[in-house]
Amino acid sequence: MAIDWKNYQFKSFFDELIDKDGKPRAHSHKLIKFLSDLSDSDLNSARAAADFAIKEMGITFTVYGEGSSIDRNWPMDIIPRIIDNREWKKIEIGLEQRVKALNMFINDLYHDQKIIKDGIFPKELISKSVNFRQQCMGITPPHNIWAHICGSDLVRDHDGTMYVLEDNLRVPSGVSYMLENRSVMKRVFPEMFEHIDILPVNDYSSQLFDMLCAMSPRPHDTPEVVVLTPGIFNSAYFEHCYLAQEMGCELVEGRDLQVDKNDCVYMKTINGLRRVDVIYRRIDDLFIDPEAFNPDSQLGVPGLLRAWRAGNVALVNAPGAGVADDKVVYTYVPQMIEYYLSEKMLLPNVETYRCYEPDDYKYVIENIEKLVVKPANESGGYGLLIGPKSTKKQQQECIAQIKADPRNYIAQPTLSLSTVPTLDGDKTEGRHVDLRPFVLSSGKQTYVTTGGLTRVAMVKGSLVVNSSQGGGSKDTWIVDGENS
């Protein structure tokens, strides 16, 4: 048989498909049966078909090196990750609760800052935040929503508990790969979708478009929505193109837009100027408006912040939303939920040490070889120290960085991340995974993707799942456990 489940290795980690006794979990019986019946030839053909589909569909991502960038085909493993729908419904509710509190927190910070005045959140964290935008003080976006799109990263520990590892509210990316993974799997294994009740994901683009339209400052049936990209050299340019095409929106760069004397935004077309109502911007705050932020930016639109402040255009996500991306701010989400919602947090955070607090600082310095240390505002796996896999030199360099700026670092225990069977040459072995669901908020309703983007550490033993660091991906199936 192509896959030898008897010798499948996942050590002592929680495996998403196989239980500790080596038997399929309740929600994965049909998948395991299907995969077990595949011959070597069948499996090799399926892998080749997936690679061909990815190439034919043009699914790429960009890896940056020293002074260069390379477009690569999207790395995807054909064994899916499965989550029981009963568990997923609970996760959905937890994500909705979390995003609601985060939006209330961001709105509070740019207005009365009650959470600071009431002693729940330290003022000094904001004064030293690299993503707090003083220019946004007093602005009230529609329905008080700042993070219209949130991608929170989830991980499962050795006991099967799902935790929130971090929140992404600046310019969260990856949803196009979630959608394309499903398209590839349907082409490679169409028969599986006939026999397994897999919940669909293909309504995301329409849900995104509806949410964007709901943000329009002008009440009419067909608001002008555009996707603002920094251009072809951005690592997520494939996603910008994909979503614009799926929604039927114009993909624009900063040079395609202008702000007039009445603080309205217009798009340049061959037929003249056309008023823009909503901008789904995929450019970081500092580059969207050279008048308000970085004066050297060639990517943004002069006057865009003025137009947004005047209520003449909606910006999604709102500038300043990234203040809640901060990994130190993340540690206060439980308090935010209690403060704003009077509720207990439904999806737990990973235990986290704040290096700016003396006791935590001392513990981190003394136990750095056991911990994962992260800078507060880096992404993509950059700046990460995984203690157990680091050298003494790397640990000492990290300690020096923490001592220089304790506020900029947090540390977490090295989690025993769950695994999913993954093809590695002619073997099938457990590889560590995380999950990025996407949450859309309009202020009137909240939408959570059915599953999300499963990222997988393709290198044996690695905990780093980011594609830029050699990670790959899997299709994520939400299924009815009783019928799977």
Protein backbone atom coordinates (compact mmCIF):
# COMPACT_ATOMS: atom_id res chain seq x y z
CA MET A 1 0.00 0.00 0.00
CA ALA A 2 1.22 3.54 -0.70
CA ILE A 3 0.70 4.76 2.87
CA ASP A 4 1.76 2.44 5.68
CA TRP A 5 -0.36 3.64 8.61
CA LYS A 6 1.02 0.93 10.91
CA ASN A 7 4.45 2.54 10.77
CA TYR A 8 3.23 6.12 10.66
CA GLN A 9 5.43 8.21 12.95
CA PHE A 10 4.20 11.19 14.96
CA LYS A 11 5.99 10.46 18.24
CA SER A 12 4.20 11.83 21.32
CA PHE A 13 2.46 14.74 19.60
CA PHE A 14 -1.29 15.12 19.21
CA ASP A 15 -2.03 13.99 15.67
CA GLU A 16 -5.08 15.45 13.93
CA LEU A 17 -5.99 12.26 12.01
CA ILE A 18 -4.60 9.34 14.02
CA ASP A 19 -5.12 8.81 17.76
CA LYS A 20 -2.50 7.64 20.25
CA ASP A 21 -3.48 4.00 19.64
CA GLY A 22 -2.76 4.32 15.93
CA LYS A 23 -6.45 4.33 14.91
CA PRO A 24 -8.26 6.94 12.79
CA ARG A 25 -10.00 9.64 14.79
CA ALA A 26 -13.79 9.61 14.56
CA HIS A 27 -13.91 12.36 11.94
CA SER A 28 -11.17 10.90 9.71
CA HIS A 29 -12.30 7.28 9.06
CA LYS A 30 -13.40 7.84 5.46
CA LEU A 31 -10.30 9.83 4.56
CA ILE A 32 -7.95 7.23 6.03
CA LYS A 33 -9.83 4.45 4.21
CA PHE A 34 -9.61 6.34 0.92
CA LEU A 35 -5.89 7.05 1.29
CA SER A 36 -5.17 3.48 2.37
CA ASP A 37 -6.71 2.18 -0.85
CA LEU A 38 -4.42 4.24 -3.05
CA SER A 39 -1.54 2.43 -4.74
CA ASP A 40 1.93 3.91 -5.14
CA SER A 41 1.00 4.82 -8.70
CA ASP A 42 -2.25 6.48 -7.60
CA LEU A 43 -0.49 8.55 -4.97
CA ASN A 44 2.31 9.64 -7.30
CA SER A 45 -0.25 10.60 -9.94
CA ALA A 46 -2.19 12.63 -7.39
CA ARG A 47 0.92 14.52 -6.31
CA ALA A 48 1.87 15.21 -9.91
CA ALA A 49 -1.68 16.38 -10.65
CA ALA A 50 -1.57 18.77 -7.69
CA ASP A 51 1.80 20.19 -8.77
CA PHE A 52 0.50 20.63 -12.33
CA ALA A 53 -2.69 22.33 -11.13
CA ILE A 54 -0.72 24.76 -8.96
CA LYS A 55 1.54 25.62 -11.88
CA GLU A 56 -1.34 25.88 -14.38
CA MET A 57 -3.41 28.05 -12.04
CA GLY A 58 -0.42 30.30 -11.39
CA ILE A 59 -0.54 29.94 -7.61
CA THR A 60 2.70 31.55 -6.44
CA PHE A 61 4.28 33.32 -3.50
CA THR A 62 7.35 35.51 -3.33
CA VAL A 63 10.45 34.76 -1.27
CA TYR A 64 12.81 37.64 -0.59
CA GLY A 65 16.55 37.11 -0.44
CA GLU A 66 19.43 39.53 -0.17
CA GLY A 67 18.62 42.15 -2.78
CA SER A 68 16.34 39.86 -4.82
CA SER A 69 12.94 38.23 -4.89
CA ILE A 70 11.87 34.90 -6.37
CA ASP A 71 8.39 33.77 -7.34
CA ARG A 72 7.81 30.13 -6.39
CA ASN A 73 4.96 27.73 -6.90
CA TRP A 74 2.80 27.47 -3.79
CA PRO A 75 3.88 24.46 -1.67
CA MET A 76 0.93 22.20 -0.85
CA ASP A 77 0.64 18.71 0.61
CA ILE A 78 -2.26 16.59 -0.68
CA ILE A 79 -3.18 14.96 2.65
CA PRO A 80 -5.80 17.34 4.12
CA ARG A 81 -6.19 18.44 7.71
CA ILE A 82 -9.62 17.59 9.21
CA ILE A 83 -11.47 19.25 12.10
CA ASP A 84 -14.79 18.03 13.49
CA ASN A 85 -17.59 20.54 12.88
CA ARG A 86 -18.74 20.29 16.52
CA GLU A 87 -15.35 21.56 17.66
CA TRP A 88 -15.26 24.16 14.89
CA LYS A 89 -18.55 25.73 15.98
CA LYS A 90 -17.00 26.41 19.38
CA ILE A 91 -13.88 27.87 17.78
CA GLU A 92 -16.05 30.15 15.60
CA ILE A 93 -17.81 31.57 18.66
CA GLY A 94 -14.47 32.11 20.38
CA LEU A 95 -13.05 33.96 17.37
CA GLU A 96 -16.13 36.18 17.09
CA GLN A 97 -15.81 37.08 20.77
CA ARG A 98 -12.12 37.85 20.39
CA VAL A 99 -12.43 40.07 17.32
CA LYS A 100 -15.35 41.98 18.83
CA ALA A 101 -13.26 42.81 21.92
CA LEU A 102 -10.21 43.74 19.82
CA ASN A 103 -12.26 46.19 17.74
CA MET A 104 -13.65 47.76 20.92
CA PHE A 105 -10.13 48.04 22.29
CA ILE A 106 -8.77 49.75 19.17
CA ASN A 107 -11.70 52.16 19.05
CA ASP A 108 -11.21 52.97 22.74
CA LEU A 109 -7.49 53.67 22.24
CA TYR A 110 -8.21 56.24 19.53
CA HIS A 111 -10.89 57.96 21.59
CA ASP A 112 -11.30 58.09 25.40
CA GLN A 113 -8.76 55.39 26.36
CA LYS A 114 -11.01 54.23 29.17
CA ILE A 115 -9.20 50.89 29.47
CA ILE A 116 -6.03 52.83 30.33
CA LYS A 117 -7.75 55.24 32.71
CA ASP A 118 -9.35 52.29 34.56
CA GLY A 119 -5.94 50.69 35.06
CA ILE A 120 -6.58 47.60 32.95
CA PHE A 121 -4.03 48.32 30.22
CA PRO A 122 -0.67 50.10 30.78
CA LYS A 123 -0.34 53.49 29.10
CA GLU A 124 3.39 53.02 28.49
CA LEU A 125 2.68 50.15 26.08
CA ILE A 126 0.93 52.58 23.75
CA SER A 127 3.55 55.30 24.06
CA LYS A 128 6.14 52.76 22.89
CA SER A 129 3.96 51.03 20.30
CA VAL A 130 5.33 51.13 16.75
CA ASN A 131 1.84 50.65 15.28
CA PHE A 132 -0.12 53.20 17.31
CA ARG A 133 -0.99 56.06 14.94
CA GLN A 134 -1.43 59.44 16.61
CA GLN A 135 -2.89 60.68 13.31
CA CYS A 136 -5.93 58.43 13.88
CA MET A 137 -6.96 59.93 17.22
CA GLY A 138 -10.59 60.97 17.22
CA ILE A 139 -11.49 59.26 13.94
CA THR A 140 -14.60 57.09 14.07
CA PRO A 141 -14.88 54.56 11.23
CA PRO A 142 -18.32 53.14 10.30
CA HIS A 143 -19.83 51.03 13.11
CA ASN A 144 -16.60 51.54 15.13
CA ILE A 145 -14.93 48.74 13.17
CA TRP A 146 -11.17 49.11 12.66
CA ALA A 147 -10.12 45.52 11.96
CA HIS A 148 -12.65 44.45 9.34
CA ILE A 149 -10.49 41.45 8.44
CA CYS A 150 -8.62 39.52 11.10
CA GLY A 151 -6.46 36.43 10.74
CA SER A 152 -5.78 34.86 14.14
CA ASP A 153 -3.24 32.04 14.23
CA LEU A 154 -4.37 28.94 16.13
CA VAL A 155 -2.27 26.04 17.39
CA ARG A 156 -3.17 22.79 19.09
CA ASP A 157 -1.01 21.56 21.98
CA HIS A 158 -0.17 18.01 23.06
CA ASP A 159 -3.44 17.60 24.98
CA GLY A 160 -5.59 18.58 21.99
CA THR A 161 -6.46 22.07 23.28
CA MET A 162 -6.67 24.78 20.62
CA TYR A 163 -4.95 28.06 21.53
CA VAL A 164 -4.69 31.46 19.89
CA LEU A 165 -1.02 32.06 19.19
CA GLU A 166 -1.30 35.60 17.81
CA ASP A 167 -3.62 38.03 16.02
CA ASN A 168 -3.03 39.66 12.62
CA LEU A 169 -5.01 42.87 12.10
CA ARG A 170 -2.81 45.10 9.96
CA VAL A 171 -2.93 43.50 6.52
CA PRO A 172 -3.71 39.81 7.16
CA SER A 173 -2.83 37.60 4.20
CA GLY A 174 -3.20 33.99 3.09
CA VAL A 175 -6.92 33.60 2.43
CA SER A 176 -6.41 33.19 -1.34
CA TYR A 177 -4.23 30.15 -0.67
CA MET A 178 -6.96 28.67 1.52
CA LEU A 179 -9.37 29.00 -1.41
CA GLU A 180 -6.92 27.74 -4.01
CA ASN A 181 -5.94 24.74 -1.87
CA ARG A 182 -9.57 23.66 -2.01
CA SER A 183 -9.71 24.15 -5.79
CA VAL A 184 -6.62 21.98 -6.23
CA MET A 185 -7.98 19.22 -3.97
CA LYS A 186 -11.25 19.12 -5.90
CA ARG A 187 -9.29 18.62 -9.12
CA VAL A 188 -7.02 15.95 -7.65
CA PHE A 189 -9.50 13.96 -5.50
CA PRO A 190 -13.02 14.78 -6.77
CA GLU A 191 -14.34 11.45 -5.51
CA MET A 192 -13.51 12.36 -1.91
CA PHE A 193 -15.88 15.32 -2.12
CA GLU A 194 -18.64 12.95 -3.24
CA HIS A 195 -18.30 10.62 -0.24
CA ILE A 196 -17.22 12.93 2.58
CA ASP A 197 -19.42 15.78 3.81
CA ILE A 198 -16.87 18.63 3.61
CA LEU A 199 -18.20 22.10 4.37
CA PRO A 200 -17.53 24.59 1.53
CA VAL A 201 -15.23 27.61 1.66
CA ASN A 202 -16.04 29.19 -1.70
CA ASP A 203 -18.34 31.91 -0.33
CA TYR A 204 -15.47 33.93 1.16
CA SER A 205 -15.06 36.29 -1.78
CA SER A 206 -18.76 37.16 -1.85
CA GLN A 207 -18.77 37.61 1.94
CA LEU A 208 -15.72 39.89 1.66
CA PHE A 209 -17.35 41.95 -1.08
CA ASP A 210 -20.58 42.31 0.90
CA MET A 211 -18.63 43.44 3.96
CA LEU A 212 -16.67 45.99 1.91
CA CYS A 213 -19.88 47.35 0.36
CA ALA A 214 -21.42 47.67 3.83
CA MET A 215 -18.58 50.07 4.73
CA SER A 216 -19.42 52.51 1.92
CA PRO A 217 -19.99 56.10 3.12
CA ARG A 218 -22.47 56.67 0.29
CA PRO A 219 -25.79 54.78 0.57
CA HIS A 220 -26.30 53.36 -2.90
CA ASP A 221 -26.61 49.93 -4.46
CA THR A 222 -23.30 49.75 -6.31
CA PRO A 223 -20.46 51.35 -4.32
CA GLU A 224 -17.11 51.57 -6.06
CA VAL A 225 -14.76 49.17 -4.30
CA VAL A 226 -11.07 48.86 -5.21
CA VAL A 227 -8.17 46.73 -3.99
CA LEU A 228 -5.07 48.88 -3.37
CA THR A 229 -1.81 46.97 -3.90
CA PRO A 230 1.81 48.13 -3.53
CA GLY A 231 2.51 46.35 -6.84
CA ILE A 232 3.96 43.26 -8.44
CA PHE A 233 6.97 43.01 -6.14
CA ASN A 234 4.89 42.51 -3.01
CA SER A 235 5.00 38.95 -1.64
CA ALA A 236 1.18 38.76 -1.56
CA TYR A 237 0.59 40.21 -5.04
CA PHE A 238 -0.95 36.94 -6.21
CA GLU A 239 -3.56 37.32 -3.47
CA HIS A 240 -4.29 40.95 -4.36
CA CYS A 241 -4.97 39.96 -7.97
CA TYR A 242 -6.96 36.90 -6.98
CA LEU A 243 -9.33 38.69 -4.61
CA ALA A 244 -9.87 41.65 -6.93
CA GLN A 245 -10.77 39.27 -9.75
CA GLU A 246 -13.05 37.14 -7.58
CA MET A 247 -14.93 40.21 -6.35
CA GLY A 248 -15.05 41.91 -9.74
CA CYS A 249 -13.19 44.95 -8.36
CA GLU A 250 -10.48 47.11 -9.87
CA LEU A 251 -6.94 46.35 -8.71
CA VAL A 252 -5.20 49.71 -8.32
CA GLU A 253 -1.88 51.15 -7.25
CA GLY A 254 -1.43 54.48 -5.49
CA ARG A 255 -0.75 56.30 -8.77
CA ASP A 256 -4.20 55.25 -10.01
CA LEU A 257 -5.99 57.25 -7.29
CA GLN A 258 -6.18 60.92 -6.36
CA VAL A 259 -7.85 63.01 -3.66
CA ASP A 260 -9.58 66.22 -4.77
CA LYS A 261 -10.01 69.52 -2.92
CA ASN A 262 -13.26 68.24 -1.37
CA ASP A 263 -11.40 65.29 0.21
CA CYS A 264 -13.03 62.71 -2.05
CA VAL A 265 -11.07 59.86 -3.66
CA TYR A 266 -11.19 59.27 -7.40
CA MET A 267 -9.86 56.53 -9.64
CA LYS A 268 -8.28 57.49 -12.95
CA THR A 269 -9.90 55.65 -15.88
CA ILE A 270 -9.81 56.02 -19.66
CA ASN A 271 -13.24 57.61 -19.35
CA GLY A 272 -12.17 60.14 -16.74
CA LEU A 273 -12.29 60.19 -12.94
CA ARG A 274 -14.58 57.79 -11.05
CA ARG A 275 -15.41 58.27 -7.36
CA VAL A 276 -14.17 55.52 -5.03
CA ASP A 277 -16.17 54.56 -1.94
CA VAL A 278 -14.21 51.71 -0.35
CA ILE A 279 -10.51 50.86 -0.50
CA TYR A 280 -9.42 47.39 0.54
CA ARG A 281 -5.86 48.39 1.12
CA ARG A 282 -2.98 45.92 1.13
CA ILE A 283 -0.36 48.54 1.91
CA ASP A 284 1.03 49.12 5.39
CA ASP A 285 -0.02 52.25 7.29
CA LEU A 286 3.22 54.16 6.85
CA PHE A 287 3.05 54.01 3.07
CA ILE A 288 -0.63 54.73 2.32
CA ASP A 289 -0.45 58.53 2.48
CA PRO A 290 2.79 60.54 2.18
CA GLU A 291 0.99 63.59 3.57
CA ALA A 292 0.11 61.88 6.84
CA PHE A 293 2.86 59.28 7.30
CA ASN A 294 6.07 58.60 5.39
CA PRO A 295 6.66 61.57 3.05
CA ASP A 296 8.99 59.47 0.88
CA SER A 297 6.35 56.85 0.07
CA GLN A 298 5.72 56.32 -3.64
CA LEU A 299 3.07 53.65 -2.97
CA GLY A 300 0.28 55.64 -1.36
CA VAL A 301 -2.16 58.41 -2.21
CA PRO A 302 -1.56 61.98 -0.94
CA GLY A 303 -4.55 63.13 1.11
CA LEU A 304 -6.02 59.66 1.65
CA LEU A 305 -6.12 60.06 5.42
CA ARG A 306 -7.91 63.41 5.02
CA ALA A 307 -10.57 61.76 2.88
CA TRP A 308 -10.98 58.96 5.41
CA ARG A 309 -11.18 61.38 8.34
CA ALA A 310 -13.84 63.37 6.47
CA GLY A 311 -15.91 60.21 6.07
CA ASN A 312 -15.74 60.29 2.27
CA VAL A 313 -14.04 56.91 1.83
CA ALA A 314 -13.77 53.70 3.84
CA LEU A 315 -10.34 52.13 4.42
CA VAL A 316 -10.24 48.42 5.14
CA ASN A 317 -8.50 47.59 7.42
CA ALA A 318 -8.46 51.00 9.04
CA PRO A 319 -5.09 52.71 9.60
CA GLY A 320 -4.02 52.20 13.19
CA ALA A 321 -5.66 48.78 13.56
CA GLY A 322 -2.18 47.24 13.75
CA VAL A 323 -1.79 48.52 17.30
CA ALA A 324 -3.49 45.27 18.33
CA ASP A 325 -1.04 43.16 16.26
CA ASP A 326 1.53 43.79 18.94
CA LYS A 327 2.43 40.52 20.67
CA VAL A 328 2.60 42.30 24.02
CA VAL A 329 -0.90 43.70 23.48
CA TYR A 330 -1.96 40.12 22.69
CA THR A 331 -1.28 39.15 26.28
CA TYR A 332 -4.05 41.54 27.44
CA VAL A 333 -6.83 40.08 25.27
CA PRO A 334 -8.30 38.09 28.20
CA GLN A 335 -8.62 41.34 30.19
CA MET A 336 -10.09 43.13 27.14
CA ILE A 337 -12.82 40.51 26.80
CA GLU A 338 -13.74 40.81 30.46
CA TYR A 339 -13.55 44.62 30.39
CA TYR A 340 -15.55 45.29 27.23
CA LEU A 341 -17.83 42.26 27.06
CA SER A 342 -18.09 41.13 30.70
CA GLU A 343 -17.32 37.61 29.51
CA LYS A 344 -14.66 34.99 30.06
CA MET A 345 -12.39 34.25 27.11
CA LEU A 346 -13.59 31.21 25.16
CA LEU A 347 -10.42 30.54 23.14
CA PRO A 348 -7.38 30.59 25.43
CA ASN A 349 -4.13 32.42 24.79
CA VAL A 350 -0.83 30.59 24.94
CA GLU A 351 0.92 31.23 28.27
CA THR A 352 3.11 34.26 27.62
CA TYR A 353 5.86 36.08 29.52
CA ARG A 354 6.13 39.87 29.16
CA CYS A 355 9.79 40.74 29.15
CA TYR A 356 9.10 44.31 30.36
CA GLU A 357 7.78 42.94 33.67
CA PRO A 358 10.64 42.25 36.14
CA ASP A 359 9.62 38.74 37.24
CA ASP A 360 8.91 37.59 33.68
CA TYR A 361 12.13 39.22 32.47
CA LYS A 362 14.17 37.30 35.04
CA TYR A 363 12.46 34.00 34.18
CA VAL A 364 13.01 34.45 30.44
CA ILE A 365 16.70 35.30 30.81
CA GLU A 366 17.27 32.29 33.07
CA ASN A 367 15.28 29.84 30.94
CA ILE A 368 15.82 31.09 27.41
CA GLU A 369 16.95 27.67 26.19
CA LYS A 370 13.44 26.32 26.91
CA LEU A 371 11.37 29.16 25.45
CA VAL A 372 10.26 30.65 22.14
CA VAL A 373 11.17 34.36 22.14
CA LYS A 374 9.39 36.74 19.74
CA PRO A 375 9.78 40.42 18.94
CA ALA A 376 6.52 42.29 19.45
CA ASN A 377 5.88 43.41 15.88
CA GLU A 378 7.72 41.11 13.49
CA SER A 379 5.86 38.64 11.27
CA GLY A 380 6.65 35.81 8.88
CA GLY A 381 8.79 33.97 11.44
CA TYR A 382 11.48 36.68 11.41
CA GLY A 383 13.34 37.52 14.60
CA LEU A 384 12.15 34.30 16.27
CA LEU A 385 14.30 32.34 18.70
CA ILE A 386 13.25 28.74 19.35
CA GLY A 387 15.21 28.02 22.51
CA PRO A 388 15.56 24.21 22.33
CA LYS A 389 16.80 24.42 18.71
CA SER A 390 19.10 27.42 19.19
CA THR A 391 22.83 27.68 19.84
CA LYS A 392 24.39 29.29 22.90
CA LYS A 393 25.54 32.15 20.69
CA GLN A 394 22.02 32.74 19.39
CA GLN A 395 20.67 32.67 22.94
CA GLN A 396 23.20 35.24 24.12
CA GLU A 397 22.42 37.50 21.16
CA CYS A 398 18.72 37.25 21.98
CA ILE A 399 19.34 38.05 25.66
CA ALA A 400 21.28 41.17 24.61
CA GLN A 401 18.35 42.28 22.44
CA ILE A 402 15.88 41.72 25.29
CA LYS A 403 18.05 43.69 27.71
CA ALA A 404 18.28 46.56 25.22
CA ASP A 405 14.50 46.78 24.79
CA PRO A 406 12.47 44.54 27.14
CA ARG A 407 9.15 46.03 26.01
CA ASN A 408 9.76 44.68 22.49
CA TYR A 409 9.86 41.00 23.47
CA ILE A 410 7.61 38.26 24.76
CA ALA A 411 8.37 34.61 25.39
CA GLN A 412 6.24 31.48 25.34
CA PRO A 413 6.79 27.84 26.24
CA THR A 414 7.88 25.64 23.35
CA LEU A 415 4.58 24.03 22.44
CA SER A 416 4.23 20.45 21.26
CA LEU A 417 2.34 21.53 18.16
CA SER A 418 -0.10 19.01 16.73
CA THR A 419 0.83 17.08 13.59
CA VAL A 420 -0.89 15.96 10.41
CA PRO A 421 0.28 13.11 8.16
CA THR A 422 2.39 14.64 5.39
CA LEU A 423 4.09 13.10 2.35
CA ASP A 424 7.87 13.28 2.45
CA GLY A 425 9.32 11.51 -0.56
CA ASP A 426 8.08 7.93 -0.36
CA LYS A 427 7.25 8.19 3.36
CA THR A 428 4.33 9.61 5.35
CA GLU A 429 5.32 11.33 8.57
CA GLY A 430 3.73 13.74 11.02
CA ARG A 431 4.53 17.41 10.42
CA HIS A 432 3.64 20.30 12.72
CA VAL A 433 0.81 22.63 11.68
CA ASP A 434 -0.97 25.82 12.65
CA LEU A 435 -4.23 27.30 11.36
CA ARG A 436 -5.18 30.80 10.24
CA PRO A 437 -8.95 31.35 10.06
CA PHE A 438 -10.19 34.69 8.75
CA VAL A 439 -12.89 36.77 10.44
CA LEU A 440 -14.86 39.48 8.63
CA SER A 441 -16.57 42.19 10.71
CA SER A 442 -18.97 44.80 9.37
CA GLY A 443 -20.38 45.91 12.72
CA LYS A 444 -23.73 44.36 11.85
CA GLN A 445 -22.59 40.78 11.36
CA THR A 446 -19.48 38.63 11.71
CA TYR A 447 -18.35 35.92 9.32
CA VAL A 448 -15.74 33.25 10.10
CA THR A 449 -14.23 31.16 7.33
CA THR A 450 -15.04 27.46 7.38
CA GLY A 451 -11.66 26.36 8.65
CA GLY A 452 -8.79 28.44 7.35
CA LEU A 453 -5.29 28.22 5.97
CA THR A 454 -3.39 25.29 7.46
CA ARG A 455 0.32 25.95 7.28
CA VAL A 456 2.68 23.01 7.72
CA ALA A 457 6.35 22.81 8.64
CA MET A 458 7.61 20.67 5.76
CA VAL A 459 11.01 20.09 7.37
CA LYS A 460 11.05 17.18 9.81
CA GLY A 461 11.03 18.39 13.42
CA SER A 462 10.64 22.05 12.47
CA LEU A 463 8.10 24.29 14.21
CA VAL A 464 8.34 27.09 11.61
CA VAL A 465 5.36 26.96 9.25
CA ASN A 466 5.78 30.24 7.32
CA SER A 467 6.13 29.76 3.56
CA SER A 468 8.94 32.31 3.50
CA GLN A 469 10.82 30.06 5.92
CA GLY A 470 10.28 26.81 4.01
CA GLY A 471 6.78 25.94 5.20
CA GLY A 472 3.93 24.57 3.09
CA SER A 473 0.17 24.23 3.34
CA LYS A 474 -2.77 21.83 3.42
CA ASP A 475 -6.45 22.01 2.58
CA THR A 476 -8.49 22.28 5.79
CA TRP A 477 -11.70 20.26 5.99
CA ILE A 478 -14.48 20.92 8.46
CA VAL A 479 -16.58 17.75 8.54
CA ASP A 480 -19.41 16.14 10.42
CA GLY A 481 -17.61 13.66 12.68
CA GLU A 482 -20.50 11.25 12.77
CA ASN A 483 -20.49 10.88 8.97
CA SER A 484 -16.80 10.81 8.26
